[in-house]
Amino acid sequence: MEKKTAIQILQEHISTYKNQITDSGWERMVHAGIVRNNIYEKLAFRADAEKQIQAYEMAVKALENSEVEEWVDRCYLGSPCPYQHN
């Protein structure tokens, strides 16, 4: 995957989360049956979404500032990383 494509995908995830934490985005998820309409679930979702947004933004910055050679050696979100210690 090219770096430009990866950045675009991450930015789309950021946009999706930002939309979902708006009142109208939340209402659409409730009507679709994705979430239950209660304050506790809404607060938990918002907290998780904000963490995800921060992680994706950090990943975008890292990709934007990386050299091509470094890109090959980077770990992917959600995949095992050879640099992680068990």
N, C-alpha and C. Protein backbone atom coordinates (compact mmCIF):
# COMPACT_ATOMS: atom_id res chain seq x y z
N MET A 1 0.85 -1.17 0.00
CA MET A 1 0.00 0.00 0.00
C MET A 1 0.90 1.23 0.00
N GLU A 2 0.52 2.19 -0.80
CA GLU A 2 1.29 3.42 -0.84
C GLU A 2 0.96 4.29 0.37
N LYS A 3 1.95 5.09 0.74
CA LYS A 3 1.78 5.95 1.91
C LYS A 3 0.60 6.90 1.73
N LYS A 4 0.44 7.45 0.54
CA LYS A 4 -0.66 8.39 0.27
C LYS A 4 -2.01 7.71 0.49
N THR A 5 -2.14 6.47 0.04
CA THR A 5 -3.38 5.72 0.21
C THR A 5 -3.64 5.44 1.69
N ALA A 6 -2.60 5.06 2.41
CA ALA A 6 -2.75 4.79 3.84
C ALA A 6 -3.20 6.04 4.60
N ILE A 7 -2.63 7.18 4.26
CA ILE A 7 -3.01 8.44 4.91
C ILE A 7 -4.47 8.76 4.59
N GLN A 8 -4.88 8.56 3.35
CA GLN A 8 -6.26 8.82 2.97
C GLN A 8 -7.23 7.94 3.74
N ILE A 9 -6.90 6.67 3.90
CA ILE A 9 -7.75 5.74 4.65
C ILE A 9 -7.87 6.18 6.10
N LEU A 10 -6.75 6.54 6.70
CA LEU A 10 -6.75 6.99 8.09
C LEU A 10 -7.60 8.25 8.25
N GLN A 11 -7.47 9.18 7.31
CA GLN A 11 -8.24 10.42 7.38
C GLN A 11 -9.75 10.15 7.22
N GLU A 12 -10.10 9.15 6.42
CA GLU A 12 -11.51 8.78 6.29
C GLU A 12 -12.04 8.21 7.61
N HIS A 13 -11.21 7.42 8.30
CA HIS A 13 -11.62 6.89 9.61
C HIS A 13 -11.83 8.04 10.60
N ILE A 14 -10.94 9.01 10.58
CA ILE A 14 -11.06 10.18 11.46
C ILE A 14 -12.38 10.90 11.18
N SER A 15 -12.68 11.12 9.91
CA SER A 15 -13.92 11.82 9.54
C SER A 15 -15.15 11.04 10.00
N THR A 16 -15.10 9.72 9.85
CA THR A 16 -16.23 8.89 10.26
C THR A 16 -16.46 9.01 11.76
N TYR A 17 -15.39 8.88 12.55
CA TYR A 17 -15.54 9.01 14.00
C TYR A 17 -16.04 10.39 14.39
N LYS A 18 -15.50 11.44 13.76
CA LYS A 18 -15.93 12.80 14.10
C LYS A 18 -17.41 12.98 13.78
N ASN A 19 -17.87 12.38 12.70
CA ASN A 19 -19.29 12.46 12.36
C ASN A 19 -20.14 11.68 13.35
N GLN A 20 -19.68 10.50 13.74
CA GLN A 20 -20.47 9.66 14.64
C GLN A 20 -20.65 10.25 16.02
N ILE A 21 -19.73 11.09 16.47
CA ILE A 21 -19.87 11.67 17.81
C ILE A 21 -20.70 12.95 17.81
N THR A 22 -21.15 13.39 16.63
CA THR A 22 -22.09 14.50 16.60
C THR A 22 -23.47 13.96 16.97
N ASP A 23 -24.37 14.86 17.35
CA ASP A 23 -25.73 14.42 17.70
C ASP A 23 -26.42 13.74 16.53
N SER A 24 -26.29 14.30 15.34
CA SER A 24 -26.96 13.70 14.18
C SER A 24 -26.32 12.36 13.81
N GLY A 25 -25.02 12.26 13.93
CA GLY A 25 -24.34 10.99 13.66
C GLY A 25 -24.76 9.92 14.65
N TRP A 26 -24.87 10.30 15.91
CA TRP A 26 -25.30 9.36 16.94
C TRP A 26 -26.73 8.89 16.67
N GLU A 27 -27.61 9.82 16.31
CA GLU A 27 -29.00 9.46 16.02
C GLU A 27 -29.08 8.48 14.84
N ARG A 28 -28.26 8.68 13.83
CA ARG A 28 -28.26 7.75 12.69
C ARG A 28 -27.83 6.36 13.14
N MET A 29 -26.84 6.27 14.03
CA MET A 29 -26.39 4.96 14.51
C MET A 29 -27.48 4.30 15.36
N VAL A 30 -28.21 5.10 16.15
CA VAL A 30 -29.31 4.56 16.96
C VAL A 30 -30.39 4.01 16.04
N HIS A 31 -30.79 4.79 15.03
CA HIS A 31 -31.84 4.36 14.11
C HIS A 31 -31.42 3.13 13.30
N ALA A 32 -30.12 2.98 13.04
CA ALA A 32 -29.64 1.82 12.29
C ALA A 32 -29.50 0.59 13.19
N GLY A 33 -29.64 0.79 14.51
CA GLY A 33 -29.54 -0.34 15.43
C GLY A 33 -28.11 -0.69 15.79
N ILE A 34 -27.18 0.18 15.51
CA ILE A 34 -25.76 -0.06 15.81
C ILE A 34 -25.49 0.12 17.30
N VAL A 35 -26.15 1.10 17.89
CA VAL A 35 -25.99 1.40 19.32
C VAL A 35 -27.36 1.57 19.96
N ARG A 36 -27.37 1.44 21.29
CA ARG A 36 -28.61 1.70 22.03
C ARG A 36 -28.61 3.17 22.44
N ASN A 37 -29.76 3.74 22.52
CA ASN A 37 -29.87 5.16 22.82
C ASN A 37 -29.93 5.38 24.32
N ASN A 38 -28.76 5.29 24.97
CA ASN A 38 -28.70 5.66 26.39
C ASN A 38 -27.43 6.45 26.63
N ILE A 39 -27.45 7.25 27.66
CA ILE A 39 -26.36 8.18 27.93
C ILE A 39 -25.05 7.46 28.22
N TYR A 40 -25.12 6.31 28.89
CA TYR A 40 -23.89 5.59 29.24
C TYR A 40 -23.19 5.06 27.99
N GLU A 41 -23.97 4.52 27.07
CA GLU A 41 -23.37 4.02 25.84
C GLU A 41 -22.83 5.17 24.99
N LYS A 42 -23.55 6.28 24.99
CA LYS A 42 -23.11 7.44 24.22
C LYS A 42 -21.79 7.99 24.78
N LEU A 43 -21.69 8.09 26.09
CA LEU A 43 -20.45 8.59 26.70
C LEU A 43 -19.29 7.63 26.47
N ALA A 44 -19.54 6.34 26.59
CA ALA A 44 -18.49 5.35 26.36
C ALA A 44 -18.04 5.38 24.91
N PHE A 45 -18.98 5.48 24.00
CA PHE A 45 -18.63 5.54 22.58
C PHE A 45 -17.81 6.79 22.28
N ARG A 46 -18.24 7.92 22.83
CA ARG A 46 -17.52 9.17 22.59
C ARG A 46 -16.08 9.09 23.11
N ALA A 47 -15.89 8.53 24.30
CA ALA A 47 -14.55 8.40 24.87
C ALA A 47 -13.68 7.51 23.99
N ASP A 48 -14.25 6.39 23.54
CA ASP A 48 -13.49 5.49 22.67
C ASP A 48 -13.19 6.15 21.33
N ALA A 49 -14.16 6.86 20.77
CA ALA A 49 -13.97 7.53 19.48
C ALA A 49 -12.87 8.58 19.57
N GLU A 50 -12.83 9.31 20.66
CA GLU A 50 -11.80 10.33 20.82
C GLU A 50 -10.41 9.70 20.90
N LYS A 51 -10.30 8.55 21.55
CA LYS A 51 -9.01 7.83 21.59
C LYS A 51 -8.62 7.35 20.20
N GLN A 52 -9.60 6.84 19.46
CA GLN A 52 -9.33 6.36 18.10
C GLN A 52 -8.90 7.52 17.20
N ILE A 53 -9.57 8.65 17.32
CA ILE A 53 -9.23 9.82 16.52
C ILE A 53 -7.79 10.24 16.80
N GLN A 54 -7.41 10.28 18.08
CA GLN A 54 -6.05 10.66 18.44
C GLN A 54 -5.03 9.68 17.86
N ALA A 55 -5.34 8.39 17.93
CA ALA A 55 -4.43 7.37 17.40
C ALA A 55 -4.28 7.51 15.89
N TYR A 56 -5.39 7.70 15.20
CA TYR A 56 -5.33 7.86 13.75
C TYR A 56 -4.58 9.13 13.36
N GLU A 57 -4.79 10.21 14.10
CA GLU A 57 -4.08 11.47 13.81
C GLU A 57 -2.58 11.30 14.02
N MET A 58 -2.20 10.57 15.06
CA MET A 58 -0.77 10.31 15.30
C MET A 58 -0.20 9.47 14.16
N ALA A 59 -0.95 8.49 13.70
CA ALA A 59 -0.49 7.64 12.60
C ALA A 59 -0.32 8.45 11.32
N VAL A 60 -1.24 9.37 11.06
CA VAL A 60 -1.14 10.23 9.87
C VAL A 60 0.12 11.07 9.96
N LYS A 61 0.36 11.69 11.12
CA LYS A 61 1.56 12.51 11.29
C LYS A 61 2.83 11.69 11.10
N ALA A 62 2.84 10.48 11.64
CA ALA A 62 4.01 9.62 11.49
C ALA A 62 4.25 9.28 10.02
N LEU A 63 3.19 8.98 9.31
CA LEU A 63 3.33 8.65 7.89
C LEU A 63 3.78 9.86 7.08
N GLU A 64 3.23 11.02 7.40
CA GLU A 64 3.60 12.23 6.66
C GLU A 64 5.06 12.60 6.88
N ASN A 65 5.59 12.27 8.04
CA ASN A 65 6.97 12.64 8.36
C ASN A 65 7.98 11.52 8.13
N SER A 66 7.53 10.39 7.59
CA SER A 66 8.44 9.25 7.43
C SER A 66 9.10 9.25 6.05
N GLU A 67 10.26 8.65 6.01
CA GLU A 67 10.96 8.43 4.75
C GLU A 67 10.44 7.14 4.13
N VAL A 68 10.64 6.96 2.85
CA VAL A 68 10.16 5.76 2.16
C VAL A 68 10.73 4.50 2.78
N GLU A 69 12.01 4.48 3.11
CA GLU A 69 12.63 3.29 3.69
C GLU A 69 12.01 2.94 5.04
N GLU A 70 11.67 3.96 5.83
CA GLU A 70 11.06 3.72 7.13
C GLU A 70 9.66 3.13 6.98
N TRP A 71 8.96 3.53 5.94
CA TRP A 71 7.58 3.06 5.72
C TRP A 71 7.53 1.55 5.62
N VAL A 72 8.51 0.95 4.99
CA VAL A 72 8.53 -0.50 4.82
C VAL A 72 8.66 -1.20 6.17
N ASP A 73 9.39 -0.61 7.10
CA ASP A 73 9.67 -1.23 8.39
C ASP A 73 8.61 -0.93 9.45
N ARG A 74 7.61 -0.15 9.15
CA ARG A 74 6.62 0.23 10.16
C ARG A 74 5.63 -0.89 10.42
N CYS A 75 5.06 -0.86 11.60
CA CYS A 75 4.02 -1.81 11.97
C CYS A 75 2.68 -1.26 11.48
N TYR A 76 1.72 -2.14 11.24
CA TYR A 76 0.40 -1.73 10.77
C TYR A 76 -0.59 -1.78 11.92
N LEU A 77 -1.56 -0.86 11.90
CA LEU A 77 -2.60 -0.83 12.93
C LEU A 77 -3.36 -2.15 12.92
N GLY A 78 -3.51 -2.75 14.09
CA GLY A 78 -4.27 -3.98 14.23
C GLY A 78 -3.50 -5.25 13.89
N SER A 79 -2.26 -5.14 13.47
CA SER A 79 -1.46 -6.31 13.13
C SER A 79 -0.35 -6.50 14.15
N PRO A 80 0.12 -7.72 14.33
CA PRO A 80 1.24 -7.94 15.23
C PRO A 80 2.47 -7.16 14.74
N CYS A 81 3.22 -6.65 15.66
CA CYS A 81 4.41 -5.88 15.32
C CYS A 81 5.65 -6.62 15.79
N PRO A 82 6.63 -6.83 14.92
CA PRO A 82 7.82 -7.56 15.33
C PRO A 82 8.62 -6.84 16.42
N TYR A 83 8.32 -5.55 16.62
CA TYR A 83 9.05 -4.78 17.62
C TYR A 83 8.39 -4.80 18.98
N GLN A 84 7.18 -5.37 19.07
CA GLN A 84 6.48 -5.43 20.36
C GLN A 84 7.05 -6.56 21.19
N HIS A 85 7.10 -6.33 22.47
CA HIS A 85 7.55 -7.37 23.39
C HIS A 85 6.34 -8.04 23.99
N ASN A 86 6.37 -9.34 24.08
CA ASN A 86 5.24 -10.10 24.64
C ASN A 86 5.28 -10.10 26.14
